[in-house]
Amino acid sequence: MTRLPGALDTQLQRESGVTHFEYWVLTLLSEEPGHRLQMSDLAHKANASLSRLSHVVSKMERMGWAERSATTGRRGVQAVLTDAGYSKVIEAAPGYQDAVRHLVFDGLDQHQTAELADLGEVLSTQLADALSHGEGAPAVPEHDDG
């Protein structure tokens, strides 16, 4: 599992010129109404610090894929996907989907795919519950070898 993000990152950079995290941010924005989202909400959805997200949005602004927009009413700034950013998502999606299919699903039968989905849901729920209660990573118990 630790090698998968690197393999996807390599594919995206080679074929589309974006990192895996940039693609993820572009995709999240593409799925929002008006292709815009408050920076703090986007950071939460992207599972990133506001600092990391701000750095990536700055790069995306230089590339013409996003821009920042002041909001009315609610304090803060929104990240807004530009037409060029939306085109980048559309361009990168087929290669990304092919890579995921090849790296993950081609080696699994239907039963294994269903098991993977079930395990993913259980792990996602467990992690969300732990994080919502302010828990960090639990201490690793010491093993009694004797």
N, C-alpha and C. Protein backbone atom coordinates (compact mmCIF):
# COMPACT_ATOMS: atom_id res chain seq x y z
N MET A 1 0.82 -1.20 0.00
CA MET A 1 0.00 0.00 0.00
C MET A 1 0.86 1.26 0.00
N THR A 2 2.04 1.20 0.59
CA THR A 2 2.87 2.40 0.62
C THR A 2 3.49 2.72 -0.74
N ARG A 3 3.53 1.75 -1.63
CA ARG A 3 4.11 1.97 -2.95
C ARG A 3 3.10 2.50 -3.97
N LEU A 4 1.82 2.32 -3.72
CA LEU A 4 0.79 2.72 -4.67
C LEU A 4 0.77 4.23 -4.93
N PRO A 5 0.78 5.08 -3.90
CA PRO A 5 0.76 6.52 -4.20
C PRO A 5 1.94 6.98 -5.06
N GLY A 6 3.11 6.42 -4.82
CA GLY A 6 4.29 6.77 -5.62
C GLY A 6 4.14 6.35 -7.07
N ALA A 7 3.57 5.17 -7.28
CA ALA A 7 3.36 4.69 -8.66
C ALA A 7 2.34 5.57 -9.38
N LEU A 8 1.29 5.97 -8.70
CA LEU A 8 0.29 6.85 -9.30
C LEU A 8 0.87 8.24 -9.56
N ASP A 9 1.69 8.72 -8.64
CA ASP A 9 2.34 10.00 -8.81
C ASP A 9 3.24 9.99 -10.04
N THR A 10 4.01 8.93 -10.21
CA THR A 10 4.89 8.80 -11.36
C THR A 10 4.10 8.82 -12.66
N GLN A 11 3.01 8.07 -12.71
CA GLN A 11 2.18 8.03 -13.92
C GLN A 11 1.62 9.40 -14.25
N LEU A 12 1.07 10.07 -13.25
CA LEU A 12 0.46 11.39 -13.49
C LEU A 12 1.50 12.42 -13.93
N GLN A 13 2.66 12.41 -13.30
CA GLN A 13 3.70 13.37 -13.69
C GLN A 13 4.21 13.09 -15.11
N ARG A 14 4.39 11.82 -15.43
CA ARG A 14 4.89 11.45 -16.75
C ARG A 14 3.88 11.79 -17.85
N GLU A 15 2.62 11.47 -17.63
CA GLU A 15 1.63 11.63 -18.69
C GLU A 15 0.91 12.97 -18.70
N SER A 16 0.79 13.62 -17.53
CA SER A 16 -0.02 14.83 -17.46
C SER A 16 0.67 16.04 -16.83
N GLY A 17 1.86 15.83 -16.27
CA GLY A 17 2.59 16.95 -15.69
C GLY A 17 2.03 17.45 -14.37
N VAL A 18 1.29 16.60 -13.66
CA VAL A 18 0.76 16.96 -12.34
C VAL A 18 1.14 15.89 -11.33
N THR A 19 1.27 16.30 -10.07
CA THR A 19 1.50 15.31 -9.02
C THR A 19 0.17 14.68 -8.64
N HIS A 20 0.26 13.60 -7.90
CA HIS A 20 -0.96 12.92 -7.43
C HIS A 20 -1.78 13.87 -6.57
N PHE A 21 -1.12 14.62 -5.69
CA PHE A 21 -1.84 15.55 -4.82
C PHE A 21 -2.47 16.68 -5.62
N GLU A 22 -1.77 17.21 -6.62
CA GLU A 22 -2.36 18.25 -7.47
C GLU A 22 -3.59 17.73 -8.20
N TYR A 23 -3.48 16.52 -8.72
CA TYR A 23 -4.63 15.90 -9.40
C TYR A 23 -5.81 15.76 -8.44
N TRP A 24 -5.52 15.34 -7.22
CA TRP A 24 -6.56 15.16 -6.22
C TRP A 24 -7.26 16.50 -5.94
N VAL A 25 -6.49 17.58 -5.77
CA VAL A 25 -7.07 18.90 -5.51
C VAL A 25 -7.89 19.37 -6.71
N LEU A 26 -7.35 19.21 -7.91
CA LEU A 26 -8.10 19.58 -9.11
C LEU A 26 -9.41 18.81 -9.21
N THR A 27 -9.36 17.51 -8.90
CA THR A 27 -10.55 16.67 -8.96
C THR A 27 -11.58 17.11 -7.92
N LEU A 28 -11.13 17.38 -6.70
CA LEU A 28 -12.06 17.83 -5.66
C LEU A 28 -12.76 19.12 -6.09
N LEU A 29 -12.02 20.06 -6.65
CA LEU A 29 -12.62 21.31 -7.11
C LEU A 29 -13.58 21.05 -8.27
N SER A 30 -13.23 20.13 -9.15
CA SER A 30 -14.08 19.87 -10.32
C SER A 30 -15.43 19.29 -9.92
N GLU A 31 -15.51 18.69 -8.75
CA GLU A 31 -16.75 18.06 -8.29
C GLU A 31 -17.64 19.00 -7.48
N GLU A 32 -17.16 20.20 -7.20
CA GLU A 32 -17.92 21.16 -6.39
C GLU A 32 -18.79 22.05 -7.27
N PRO A 33 -19.95 22.48 -6.76
CA PRO A 33 -20.77 23.44 -7.51
C PRO A 33 -19.97 24.71 -7.79
N GLY A 34 -19.97 25.14 -9.02
CA GLY A 34 -19.21 26.32 -9.41
C GLY A 34 -17.71 26.09 -9.43
N HIS A 35 -17.29 24.86 -9.23
CA HIS A 35 -15.87 24.49 -9.22
C HIS A 35 -15.08 25.35 -8.23
N ARG A 36 -15.67 25.60 -7.07
CA ARG A 36 -15.02 26.45 -6.07
C ARG A 36 -15.29 25.89 -4.68
N LEU A 37 -14.34 26.16 -3.78
CA LEU A 37 -14.47 25.69 -2.41
C LEU A 37 -13.61 26.54 -1.50
N GLN A 38 -14.13 26.82 -0.32
CA GLN A 38 -13.37 27.53 0.71
C GLN A 38 -12.05 26.79 0.94
N MET A 39 -10.94 27.51 1.04
CA MET A 39 -9.62 26.88 1.19
C MET A 39 -9.58 25.94 2.40
N SER A 40 -10.15 26.35 3.52
CA SER A 40 -10.12 25.48 4.70
C SER A 40 -10.91 24.20 4.48
N ASP A 41 -12.04 24.30 3.78
CA ASP A 41 -12.84 23.11 3.47
C ASP A 41 -12.11 22.21 2.48
N LEU A 42 -11.44 22.82 1.51
CA LEU A 42 -10.67 22.04 0.54
C LEU A 42 -9.51 21.33 1.22
N ALA A 43 -8.85 22.01 2.15
CA ALA A 43 -7.76 21.37 2.90
C ALA A 43 -8.27 20.16 3.66
N HIS A 44 -9.44 20.31 4.27
CA HIS A 44 -10.03 19.19 5.02
C HIS A 44 -10.34 18.03 4.08
N LYS A 45 -10.99 18.32 2.95
CA LYS A 45 -11.35 17.25 2.00
C LYS A 45 -10.11 16.59 1.40
N ALA A 46 -9.05 17.38 1.20
CA ALA A 46 -7.83 16.85 0.61
C ALA A 46 -6.93 16.18 1.64
N ASN A 47 -7.34 16.25 2.91
CA ASN A 47 -6.56 15.69 4.01
C ASN A 47 -5.16 16.31 4.03
N ALA A 48 -5.12 17.64 3.94
CA ALA A 48 -3.85 18.35 3.89
C ALA A 48 -3.89 19.55 4.84
N SER A 49 -2.73 19.99 5.23
CA SER A 49 -2.66 21.22 6.01
C SER A 49 -3.00 22.39 5.09
N LEU A 50 -3.48 23.46 5.69
CA LEU A 50 -3.78 24.66 4.92
C LEU A 50 -2.51 25.20 4.25
N SER A 51 -1.39 25.06 4.92
CA SER A 51 -0.11 25.50 4.36
C SER A 51 0.25 24.72 3.11
N ARG A 52 0.14 23.40 3.17
CA ARG A 52 0.45 22.57 2.00
C ARG A 52 -0.51 22.89 0.85
N LEU A 53 -1.79 23.01 1.17
CA LEU A 53 -2.77 23.31 0.14
C LEU A 53 -2.49 24.67 -0.49
N SER A 54 -2.16 25.65 0.32
CA SER A 54 -1.88 26.99 -0.19
C SER A 54 -0.71 26.96 -1.15
N HIS A 55 0.31 26.20 -0.83
CA HIS A 55 1.47 26.05 -1.71
C HIS A 55 1.06 25.45 -3.06
N VAL A 56 0.24 24.41 -3.02
CA VAL A 56 -0.21 23.75 -4.25
C VAL A 56 -1.13 24.66 -5.06
N VAL A 57 -2.03 25.37 -4.40
CA VAL A 57 -2.91 26.29 -5.12
C VAL A 57 -2.09 27.41 -5.76
N SER A 58 -1.05 27.86 -5.09
CA SER A 58 -0.17 28.88 -5.70
C SER A 58 0.46 28.35 -6.98
N LYS A 59 0.92 27.11 -6.95
CA LYS A 59 1.48 26.51 -8.17
C LYS A 59 0.41 26.39 -9.25
N MET A 60 -0.78 25.97 -8.84
CA MET A 60 -1.88 25.82 -9.81
C MET A 60 -2.27 27.18 -10.39
N GLU A 61 -2.16 28.25 -9.60
CA GLU A 61 -2.42 29.59 -10.13
C GLU A 61 -1.38 29.95 -11.20
N ARG A 62 -0.11 29.66 -10.93
CA ARG A 62 0.94 29.95 -11.92
C ARG A 62 0.73 29.18 -13.21
N MET A 63 0.15 27.99 -13.10
CA MET A 63 -0.11 27.15 -14.27
C MET A 63 -1.41 27.55 -14.98
N GLY A 64 -2.20 28.41 -14.34
CA GLY A 64 -3.47 28.83 -14.92
C GLY A 64 -4.61 27.87 -14.66
N TRP A 65 -4.45 26.96 -13.71
CA TRP A 65 -5.45 25.94 -13.43
C TRP A 65 -6.42 26.34 -12.32
N ALA A 66 -6.05 27.32 -11.52
CA ALA A 66 -6.90 27.74 -10.40
C ALA A 66 -6.63 29.21 -10.12
N GLU A 67 -7.54 29.79 -9.36
CA GLU A 67 -7.35 31.14 -8.87
C GLU A 67 -8.00 31.24 -7.51
N ARG A 68 -7.62 32.25 -6.76
CA ARG A 68 -8.23 32.47 -5.45
C ARG A 68 -9.24 33.60 -5.58
N SER A 69 -10.30 33.48 -4.81
CA SER A 69 -11.36 34.48 -4.84
C SER A 69 -11.80 34.77 -3.42
N ALA A 70 -11.87 36.06 -3.08
CA ALA A 70 -12.37 36.44 -1.76
C ALA A 70 -13.85 36.11 -1.69
N THR A 71 -14.29 35.67 -0.54
CA THR A 71 -15.70 35.30 -0.38
C THR A 71 -16.46 36.45 0.25
N THR A 72 -17.75 36.45 0.06
CA THR A 72 -18.61 37.44 0.70
C THR A 72 -19.32 36.77 1.86
N GLY A 73 -19.48 37.50 2.93
CA GLY A 73 -20.17 36.93 4.09
C GLY A 73 -19.22 36.16 4.97
N ARG A 74 -18.80 35.02 4.52
CA ARG A 74 -17.92 34.16 5.31
C ARG A 74 -16.48 34.60 5.08
N ARG A 75 -15.72 34.71 6.16
CA ARG A 75 -14.33 35.12 6.02
C ARG A 75 -13.52 34.04 5.34
N GLY A 76 -12.52 34.47 4.60
CA GLY A 76 -11.63 33.52 3.98
C GLY A 76 -11.56 33.66 2.48
N VAL A 77 -10.90 32.71 1.89
CA VAL A 77 -10.65 32.71 0.46
C VAL A 77 -11.09 31.38 -0.12
N GLN A 78 -11.61 31.43 -1.32
CA GLN A 78 -11.98 30.21 -2.03
C GLN A 78 -10.95 29.91 -3.10
N ALA A 79 -10.73 28.63 -3.34
CA ALA A 79 -9.97 28.19 -4.51
C ALA A 79 -11.00 27.94 -5.59
N VAL A 80 -10.71 28.44 -6.80
CA VAL A 80 -11.64 28.31 -7.91
C VAL A 80 -10.91 27.65 -9.07
N LEU A 81 -11.49 26.59 -9.58
CA LEU A 81 -10.93 25.88 -10.72
C LEU A 81 -11.23 26.69 -11.99
N THR A 82 -10.20 26.94 -12.79
CA THR A 82 -10.40 27.65 -14.05
C THR A 82 -10.79 26.65 -15.14
N ASP A 83 -11.16 27.17 -16.29
CA ASP A 83 -11.47 26.29 -17.43
C ASP A 83 -10.25 25.45 -17.79
N ALA A 84 -9.06 26.05 -17.73
CA ALA A 84 -7.82 25.31 -18.03
C ALA A 84 -7.60 24.21 -16.99
N GLY A 85 -7.93 24.48 -15.73
CA GLY A 85 -7.80 23.47 -14.68
C GLY A 85 -8.77 22.32 -14.89
N TYR A 86 -9.98 22.66 -15.29
CA TYR A 86 -10.97 21.61 -15.57
C TYR A 86 -10.50 20.76 -16.76
N SER A 87 -9.95 21.41 -17.76
CA SER A 87 -9.42 20.67 -18.92
C SER A 87 -8.28 19.75 -18.50
N LYS A 88 -7.46 20.19 -17.54
CA LYS A 88 -6.33 19.37 -17.05
C LYS A 88 -6.87 18.12 -16.37
N VAL A 89 -7.93 18.26 -15.58
CA VAL A 89 -8.54 17.09 -14.92
C VAL A 89 -9.05 16.11 -15.97
N ILE A 90 -9.76 16.63 -16.97
CA ILE A 90 -10.31 15.78 -18.03
C ILE A 90 -9.20 15.09 -18.79
N GLU A 91 -8.11 15.80 -19.03
CA GLU A 91 -6.96 15.23 -19.75
C GLU A 91 -6.28 14.11 -18.95
N ALA A 92 -6.13 14.33 -17.66
CA ALA A 92 -5.39 13.38 -16.82
C ALA A 92 -6.21 12.17 -16.40
N ALA A 93 -7.52 12.30 -16.34
CA ALA A 93 -8.38 11.24 -15.79
C ALA A 93 -8.24 9.88 -16.47
N PRO A 94 -8.26 9.78 -17.80
CA PRO A 94 -8.18 8.45 -18.40
C PRO A 94 -6.89 7.69 -18.05
N GLY A 95 -5.75 8.36 -18.09
CA GLY A 95 -4.50 7.71 -17.73
C GLY A 95 -4.46 7.30 -16.28
N TYR A 96 -5.00 8.17 -15.42
CA TYR A 96 -5.05 7.87 -13.99
C TYR A 96 -5.95 6.66 -13.74
N GLN A 97 -7.12 6.64 -14.37
CA GLN A 97 -8.03 5.52 -14.20
C GLN A 97 -7.41 4.22 -14.72
N ASP A 98 -6.72 4.29 -15.84
CA ASP A 98 -6.03 3.11 -16.37
C ASP A 98 -4.97 2.61 -15.39
N ALA A 99 -4.22 3.54 -14.80
CA ALA A 99 -3.17 3.16 -13.85
C ALA A 99 -3.77 2.50 -12.61
N VAL A 100 -4.85 3.07 -12.08
CA VAL A 100 -5.51 2.47 -10.92
C VAL A 100 -6.02 1.08 -11.27
N ARG A 101 -6.65 0.96 -12.43
CA ARG A 101 -7.16 -0.35 -12.85
C ARG A 101 -6.02 -1.36 -12.94
N HIS A 102 -4.93 -0.96 -13.58
CA HIS A 102 -3.80 -1.87 -13.78
C HIS A 102 -3.12 -2.21 -12.45
N LEU A 103 -2.85 -1.20 -11.63
CA LEU A 103 -2.09 -1.41 -10.40
C LEU A 103 -2.89 -2.06 -9.28
N VAL A 104 -4.21 -1.89 -9.30
CA VAL A 104 -5.02 -2.39 -8.19
C VAL A 104 -5.97 -3.50 -8.63
N PHE A 105 -6.80 -3.24 -9.61
CA PHE A 105 -7.92 -4.13 -9.88
C PHE A 105 -7.65 -5.26 -10.85
N ASP A 106 -6.68 -5.12 -11.74
CA ASP A 106 -6.43 -6.19 -12.71
C ASP A 106 -6.04 -7.50 -12.05
N GLY A 107 -5.43 -7.43 -10.87
CA GLY A 107 -5.01 -8.66 -10.19
C GLY A 107 -6.04 -9.23 -9.25
N LEU A 108 -7.24 -8.64 -9.21
CA LEU A 108 -8.27 -9.09 -8.28
C LEU A 108 -9.47 -9.65 -9.03
N ASP A 109 -10.08 -10.69 -8.46
CA ASP A 109 -11.34 -11.15 -9.02
C ASP A 109 -12.48 -10.37 -8.37
N GLN A 110 -13.73 -10.65 -8.77
CA GLN A 110 -14.88 -9.90 -8.25
C GLN A 110 -15.01 -10.01 -6.73
N HIS A 111 -14.78 -11.22 -6.21
CA HIS A 111 -14.89 -11.44 -4.76
C HIS A 111 -13.82 -10.61 -4.03
N GLN A 112 -12.61 -10.62 -4.53
CA GLN A 112 -11.54 -9.86 -3.89
C GLN A 112 -11.79 -8.35 -3.98
N THR A 113 -12.34 -7.91 -5.10
CA THR A 113 -12.67 -6.49 -5.25
C THR A 113 -13.73 -6.08 -4.23
N ALA A 114 -14.73 -6.92 -4.02
CA ALA A 114 -15.77 -6.64 -3.03
C ALA A 114 -15.17 -6.63 -1.62
N GLU A 115 -14.27 -7.56 -1.34
CA GLU A 115 -13.61 -7.60 -0.04
C GLU A 115 -12.77 -6.35 0.18
N LEU A 116 -12.07 -5.92 -0.85
CA LEU A 116 -11.26 -4.71 -0.75
C LEU A 116 -12.14 -3.50 -0.45
N ALA A 117 -13.28 -3.39 -1.12
CA ALA A 117 -14.22 -2.29 -0.86
C ALA A 117 -14.73 -2.34 0.58
N ASP A 118 -15.08 -3.52 1.06
CA ASP A 118 -15.56 -3.67 2.43
C ASP A 118 -14.49 -3.28 3.44
N LEU A 119 -13.27 -3.76 3.23
CA LEU A 119 -12.17 -3.43 4.13
C LEU A 119 -11.87 -1.93 4.10
N GLY A 120 -11.92 -1.35 2.94
CA GLY A 120 -11.69 0.09 2.81
C GLY A 120 -12.71 0.90 3.60
N GLU A 121 -13.97 0.49 3.54
CA GLU A 121 -15.03 1.18 4.30
C GLU A 121 -14.79 1.05 5.80
N VAL A 122 -14.46 -0.15 6.25
CA VAL A 122 -14.22 -0.37 7.68
C VAL A 122 -13.04 0.47 8.15
N LEU A 123 -11.94 0.46 7.41
CA LEU A 123 -10.77 1.22 7.79
C LEU A 123 -11.03 2.72 7.75
N SER A 124 -11.75 3.17 6.75
CA SER A 124 -12.08 4.59 6.62
C SER A 124 -12.94 5.06 7.80
N THR A 125 -13.93 4.27 8.17
CA THR A 125 -14.79 4.60 9.30
C THR A 125 -14.00 4.62 10.60
N GLN A 126 -13.15 3.62 10.79
CA GLN A 126 -12.35 3.54 12.00
C GLN A 126 -11.41 4.74 12.11
N LEU A 127 -10.78 5.12 11.01
CA LEU A 127 -9.87 6.26 11.01
C LEU A 127 -10.63 7.55 11.26
N ALA A 128 -11.77 7.73 10.61
CA ALA A 128 -12.57 8.94 10.80
C ALA A 128 -13.03 9.06 12.25
N ASP A 129 -13.46 7.95 12.85
CA ASP A 129 -13.89 7.97 14.24
C ASP A 129 -12.74 8.37 15.17
N ALA A 130 -11.58 7.78 14.94
CA ALA A 130 -10.41 8.08 15.78
C ALA A 130 -10.02 9.55 15.65
N LEU A 131 -10.00 10.06 14.43
CA LEU A 131 -9.60 11.45 14.22
C LEU A 131 -10.64 12.42 14.75
N SER A 132 -11.91 12.06 14.68
CA SER A 132 -12.94 12.96 15.19
C SER A 132 -12.90 13.07 16.71
N HIS A 133 -12.28 12.10 17.36
CA HIS A 133 -12.14 12.13 18.82
C HIS A 133 -10.78 12.68 19.23
N GLY A 134 -10.06 13.25 18.27
CA GLY A 134 -8.78 13.87 18.57
C GLY A 134 -7.65 12.88 18.81
N GLU A 135 -7.86 11.66 18.42
CA GLU A 135 -6.83 10.66 18.62
C GLU A 135 -5.80 10.75 17.51
N GLY A 136 -4.57 10.66 17.87
CA GLY A 136 -3.50 10.54 16.88
C GLY A 136 -3.22 9.07 16.68
N ALA A 137 -2.07 8.77 16.19
CA ALA A 137 -1.68 7.37 16.03
C ALA A 137 -1.46 6.77 17.41
N PRO A 138 -2.03 5.59 17.64
CA PRO A 138 -1.85 4.96 18.96
C PRO A 138 -0.41 4.51 19.14
N ALA A 139 0.00 4.43 20.39
CA ALA A 139 1.33 3.92 20.67
C ALA A 139 1.41 2.47 20.28
N VAL A 140 2.54 2.09 19.74
CA VAL A 140 2.75 0.69 19.37
C VAL A 140 3.08 -0.10 20.62
N PRO A 141 2.29 -1.15 20.88
CA PRO A 141 2.56 -1.92 22.11
C PRO A 141 3.90 -2.65 22.00
N GLU A 142 4.56 -2.76 23.12
CA GLU A 142 5.80 -3.52 23.14
C GLU A 142 5.46 -4.99 23.15
N HIS A 143 6.28 -5.77 22.46
CA HIS A 143 6.06 -7.21 22.39
C HIS A 143 6.90 -7.90 23.44
N ASP A 144 6.31 -8.89 24.07
CA ASP A 144 7.02 -9.70 25.04
C ASP A 144 7.60 -10.89 24.31
N ASP A 145 8.90 -10.87 24.07
CA ASP A 145 9.53 -11.93 23.29
C ASP A 145 9.92 -13.11 24.16
N GLY A 146 9.63 -13.05 25.42
CA GLY A 146 10.16 -14.08 26.28
C GLY A 146 9.15 -14.92 26.84
